[in-house]
């Protein structure tokens, strides 16, 4: 077997890393390590690998066994069935999340998608389709990207589960969710989503994995789940890169 093409690619990658050292996902500095994270920076990321609520992905103080549900989900069950997040949205994870969300930084996308896939592998394997949360048109034009679609596409590429990129449509322009309370967020997006006709036929009776970058209060994901269930999706699970745990972080 000819290994020359692989060796050539490896050599070119090494030269590129020497000339343009990778930029850290956390600090933004170049040359901090062989990859986009220095070892000490990797240790700062709070991955949700311990016991979590099966319904919302919130970290639990102790292991309650498979299918454990936190008290907020018992009091107010989400519309979706299960949710998982790769990491906590906090000071260490804020930069990679916002660089993807607002700056369109793609050099760490495969790594971020890999973390997300690892946290929700069983959900991805069980899904018939991956569906990203849509961005409102004006913001999509201004940014030129939908970070949730990028993340969903990378997860689809790594897992082989097909993605329906334009399945969910916004029915009207909604103001930004940043800084709003949970109740205000729910009112802001209530009825704001629908399913495109081509996608509705494919989604009917199928298992859908809804992908977003951050789970804050769950208002947007809940509204999208409602639209998917109106299209008779058999089940809707949620997978996100990061989730807010502390109230002080609800500014994204």
Protein backbone atom coordinates (compact mmCIF):
# COMPACT_ATOMS: atom_id res chain seq x y z
CA UNK A 1 0.00 0.00 0.00
CA UNK A 2 1.44 3.37 -1.06
CA UNK A 3 1.82 5.56 2.04
CA UNK A 4 3.38 8.48 0.18
CA UNK A 5 0.18 10.62 -0.09
CA UNK A 6 -0.46 10.31 3.67
CA UNK A 7 3.16 11.16 4.46
CA UNK A 8 3.03 14.14 2.11
CA UNK A 9 -0.10 15.44 3.82
CA UNK A 10 1.51 14.96 7.23
CA UNK A 11 4.59 16.87 6.09
CA UNK A 12 2.49 19.73 4.73
CA UNK A 13 0.51 19.91 7.98
CA UNK A 14 3.75 20.05 9.96
CA UNK A 15 5.08 22.86 7.75
CA UNK A 16 1.79 24.77 8.07
CA UNK A 17 1.85 24.41 11.87
CA UNK A 18 5.43 25.69 11.93
CA UNK A 19 4.68 28.71 9.73
CA UNK A 20 1.22 29.40 11.21
CA UNK A 21 1.09 27.86 14.72
CA UNK A 22 -2.42 26.82 15.81
CA UNK A 23 -4.31 29.49 17.74
CA UNK A 24 -5.61 28.46 21.15
CA UNK A 25 -9.38 28.00 21.36
CA UNK A 26 -9.32 29.37 24.93
CA UNK A 27 -6.73 32.17 25.00
CA UNK A 28 -6.50 33.01 21.29
CA UNK A 29 -2.68 32.90 21.44
CA UNK A 30 -0.64 31.06 18.83
CA UNK A 31 1.86 28.32 19.49
CA UNK A 32 0.56 27.25 22.91
CA UNK A 33 0.85 23.56 22.03
CA UNK A 34 0.76 21.00 19.24
CA UNK A 35 -3.00 21.49 18.88
CA UNK A 36 -5.54 24.25 19.51
CA UNK A 37 -5.35 23.81 23.30
CA UNK A 38 -2.46 23.78 25.73
CA UNK A 39 -2.62 20.97 28.33
CA UNK A 40 -3.42 23.41 31.13
CA UNK A 41 -6.17 25.00 29.03
CA UNK A 42 -7.72 21.62 28.34
CA UNK A 43 -7.84 21.09 32.10
CA UNK A 44 -9.86 24.29 32.50
CA UNK A 45 -12.73 23.01 30.34
CA UNK A 46 -15.52 21.62 32.51
CA UNK A 47 -16.66 18.61 30.50
CA UNK A 48 -19.96 17.10 31.58
CA UNK A 49 -18.65 13.57 32.04
CA UNK A 50 -20.11 12.99 35.51
CA UNK A 51 -23.70 12.27 36.53
CA UNK A 52 -26.17 14.48 34.66
CA UNK A 53 -29.92 14.82 34.36
CA UNK A 54 -31.03 12.55 31.52
CA UNK A 55 -33.70 15.06 30.49
CA UNK A 56 -31.77 18.35 30.37
CA UNK A 57 -28.08 17.44 30.73
CA UNK A 58 -27.67 19.49 33.93
CA UNK A 59 -24.85 18.15 36.17
CA UNK A 60 -26.07 16.35 39.29
CA UNK A 61 -24.38 16.39 42.67
CA UNK A 62 -24.26 12.60 42.86
CA UNK A 63 -25.11 9.56 40.78
CA UNK A 64 -28.82 8.71 40.89
CA UNK A 65 -28.53 5.91 38.36
CA UNK A 66 -29.55 5.63 34.69
CA UNK A 67 -32.35 7.93 33.55
CA UNK A 68 -32.05 10.26 36.57
CA UNK A 69 -34.08 13.48 36.32
CA UNK A 70 -33.34 16.73 38.14
CA UNK A 71 -36.00 18.52 40.20
CA UNK A 72 -36.51 21.42 37.69
CA UNK A 73 -37.31 18.88 34.94
CA UNK A 74 -39.70 17.04 37.24
CA UNK A 75 -41.46 20.32 38.05
CA UNK A 76 -41.48 21.56 34.44
CA UNK A 77 -40.70 18.77 31.95
CA UNK A 78 -39.17 19.99 28.67
CA UNK A 79 -40.88 19.23 25.36
CA UNK A 80 -37.94 17.12 24.18
CA UNK A 81 -37.17 13.64 25.57
CA UNK A 82 -33.48 13.75 26.50
CA UNK A 83 -30.64 16.27 26.26
CA UNK A 84 -26.87 16.17 26.54
CA UNK A 85 -24.16 18.82 26.50
CA UNK A 86 -20.42 18.38 26.04
CA UNK A 87 -19.34 21.04 28.55
CA UNK A 88 -20.42 23.77 30.92
CA UNK A 89 -20.72 27.26 29.44
CA UNK A 90 -18.39 29.28 31.68
CA UNK A 91 -15.27 31.45 31.56
CA UNK A 92 -13.11 28.70 30.03
CA UNK A 93 -15.56 27.63 27.32
CA UNK A 94 -16.97 31.07 26.51
CA UNK A 95 -14.29 32.02 23.98
CA UNK A 96 -14.50 28.92 21.74
CA UNK A 97 -18.30 29.11 21.82
CA UNK A 98 -18.42 32.81 20.94
CA UNK A 99 -15.62 32.53 18.37
CA UNK A 100 -17.72 29.92 16.57
CA UNK A 101 -20.98 31.79 17.12
CA UNK A 102 -19.99 35.36 16.28
CA UNK A 103 -16.64 35.23 14.50
CA UNK A 104 -17.12 32.14 12.35
CA UNK A 105 -13.89 30.56 13.54
CA UNK A 106 -13.82 27.08 11.98
CA UNK A 107 -10.34 25.77 12.76
CA UNK A 108 -11.58 24.19 16.00
CA UNK A 109 -14.94 23.03 14.64
CA UNK A 110 -14.00 19.37 14.21
CA UNK A 111 -12.69 19.22 17.77
CA UNK A 112 -15.78 20.92 19.21
CA UNK A 113 -18.03 18.63 17.18
CA UNK A 114 -16.03 15.62 18.38
CA UNK A 115 -16.53 16.62 22.00
CA UNK A 116 -20.25 17.10 21.38
CA UNK A 117 -20.55 13.78 19.57
CA UNK A 118 -18.73 11.96 22.36
CA UNK A 119 -21.11 13.37 24.98
CA UNK A 120 -24.22 12.30 23.07
CA UNK A 121 -23.05 9.34 21.02
CA UNK A 122 -26.02 7.13 21.91
CA UNK A 123 -28.47 9.90 20.93
CA UNK A 124 -26.71 10.39 17.60
CA UNK A 125 -26.67 6.66 16.85
CA UNK A 126 -30.39 6.34 17.60
CA UNK A 127 -31.41 9.35 15.49
CA UNK A 128 -32.71 9.10 11.95
CA UNK A 129 -31.86 12.75 11.24
CA UNK A 130 -29.82 15.56 12.76
CA UNK A 131 -31.56 18.93 12.58
CA UNK A 132 -29.86 22.25 13.50
CA UNK A 133 -31.64 25.16 15.16
CA UNK A 134 -32.12 27.84 12.46
CA UNK A 135 -30.85 31.40 12.62
CA UNK A 136 -33.17 34.25 11.73
CA UNK A 137 -32.59 35.46 8.17
CA UNK A 138 -31.32 38.97 8.99
CA UNK A 139 -28.73 37.59 11.40
CA UNK A 140 -27.72 34.87 8.94
CA UNK A 141 -27.12 37.51 6.26
CA UNK A 142 -25.17 39.71 8.67
CA UNK A 143 -22.97 36.91 10.01
CA UNK A 144 -22.86 34.79 6.89
CA UNK A 145 -23.07 31.63 8.98
CA UNK A 146 -25.25 29.54 11.24
CA UNK A 147 -23.00 28.10 13.95
CA UNK A 148 -25.58 25.45 14.88
CA UNK A 149 -25.70 24.23 11.27
CA UNK A 150 -21.88 24.11 11.17
CA UNK A 151 -21.81 22.09 14.39
CA UNK A 152 -24.60 19.78 13.21
CA UNK A 153 -22.87 19.27 9.86
CA UNK A 154 -19.58 18.35 11.52
CA UNK A 155 -21.35 15.89 13.85
CA UNK A 156 -23.17 14.41 10.86
CA UNK A 157 -19.89 14.04 8.98
CA UNK A 158 -18.16 12.33 11.90
CA UNK A 159 -21.07 10.02 12.76
CA UNK A 160 -22.69 9.28 9.40
CA UNK A 161 -26.15 10.28 10.65
CA UNK A 162 -27.77 12.41 7.90
CA UNK A 163 -28.58 16.07 8.50
CA UNK A 164 -31.61 18.05 7.33
CA UNK A 165 -30.11 21.53 7.32
CA UNK A 166 -33.20 23.58 6.41
CA UNK A 167 -35.86 21.47 8.11
CA UNK A 168 -36.90 24.14 10.62
CA UNK A 169 -37.94 27.59 9.43
CA UNK A 170 -38.52 30.77 11.43
CA UNK A 171 -42.01 32.08 10.77
CA UNK A 172 -41.12 35.63 11.79
CA UNK A 173 -38.21 37.73 12.95
CA UNK A 174 -37.62 37.41 16.71
CA UNK A 175 -35.51 39.78 18.82
CA UNK A 176 -32.24 38.52 20.31
CA UNK A 177 -32.60 36.28 23.35
CA UNK A 178 -29.51 37.73 25.05
CA UNK A 179 -30.19 39.13 28.50
CA UNK A 180 -33.84 38.02 28.63
CA UNK A 181 -35.34 36.07 31.52
CA UNK A 182 -36.49 32.50 31.00
CA UNK A 183 -40.14 33.58 30.80
CA UNK A 184 -39.33 36.39 28.35
CA UNK A 185 -37.33 33.97 26.19
CA UNK A 186 -40.26 31.57 26.01
CA UNK A 187 -42.65 34.37 24.99
CA UNK A 188 -40.13 35.67 22.46
CA UNK A 189 -39.97 32.43 20.46
CA UNK A 190 -43.44 30.99 21.08
CA UNK A 191 -44.78 29.78 17.73
CA UNK A 192 -41.78 31.23 15.90
CA UNK A 193 -40.81 27.99 14.11
CA UNK A 194 -42.34 25.71 11.53
CA UNK A 195 -41.19 22.72 9.48
CA UNK A 196 -40.62 23.03 5.74
CA UNK A 197 -42.95 20.88 3.61
CA UNK A 198 -40.18 18.69 2.11
CA UNK A 199 -38.72 18.05 5.57
CA UNK A 200 -42.11 17.36 7.17
CA UNK A 201 -42.58 14.30 4.97
CA UNK A 202 -39.18 12.91 5.92
CA UNK A 203 -39.50 13.72 9.64
CA UNK A 204 -42.91 12.13 10.14
CA UNK A 205 -42.55 9.04 12.31
CA UNK A 206 -38.75 9.42 12.59
CA UNK A 207 -36.36 10.11 15.48
CA UNK A 208 -34.82 13.58 15.35
CA UNK A 209 -31.73 14.93 17.11
CA UNK A 210 -31.96 18.70 17.51
CA UNK A 211 -28.53 20.41 17.63
CA UNK A 212 -27.64 23.86 18.96
CA UNK A 213 -24.48 25.52 20.23
CA UNK A 214 -25.69 26.48 23.74
CA UNK A 215 -28.58 25.46 25.96
CA UNK A 216 -29.46 28.45 28.13
CA UNK A 217 -33.06 28.34 29.33
CA UNK A 218 -34.20 25.89 26.66
CA UNK A 219 -36.80 28.27 25.22
CA UNK A 220 -35.59 28.12 21.61
CA UNK A 221 -35.02 24.36 21.72
CA UNK A 222 -38.48 23.89 23.21
CA UNK A 223 -40.11 25.96 20.44
CA UNK A 224 -38.21 23.97 17.79
CA UNK A 225 -39.21 20.70 19.44
CA UNK A 226 -42.85 21.78 19.37
CA UNK A 227 -42.62 22.39 15.61
CA UNK A 228 -40.97 19.00 15.06
CA UNK A 229 -43.67 17.22 17.07
CA UNK A 230 -46.37 19.04 15.10
CA UNK A 231 -44.72 17.47 12.05
CA UNK A 232 -45.27 14.12 13.83
CA UNK A 233 -41.64 13.38 14.68
CA UNK A 234 -41.60 10.13 16.67
CA UNK A 235 -39.06 11.47 19.16
CA UNK A 236 -36.92 14.58 19.66
CA UNK A 237 -33.65 14.56 21.60
CA UNK A 238 -31.33 17.53 22.08
CA UNK A 239 -27.54 17.75 21.77
CA UNK A 240 -25.55 20.94 22.42
CA UNK A 241 -21.92 21.94 22.64
CA UNK A 242 -22.34 23.73 25.99
CA UNK A 243 -25.03 24.42 28.53
CA UNK A 244 -25.50 27.19 31.08
CA UNK A 245 -25.45 25.92 34.65
CA UNK A 246 -25.27 29.11 36.70
CA UNK A 247 -27.75 31.95 36.34
CA UNK A 248 -24.93 34.49 35.99
CA UNK A 249 -23.99 32.85 32.65
CA UNK A 250 -27.36 33.56 31.01
CA UNK A 251 -26.10 36.45 28.88
CA UNK A 252 -25.28 34.63 25.64
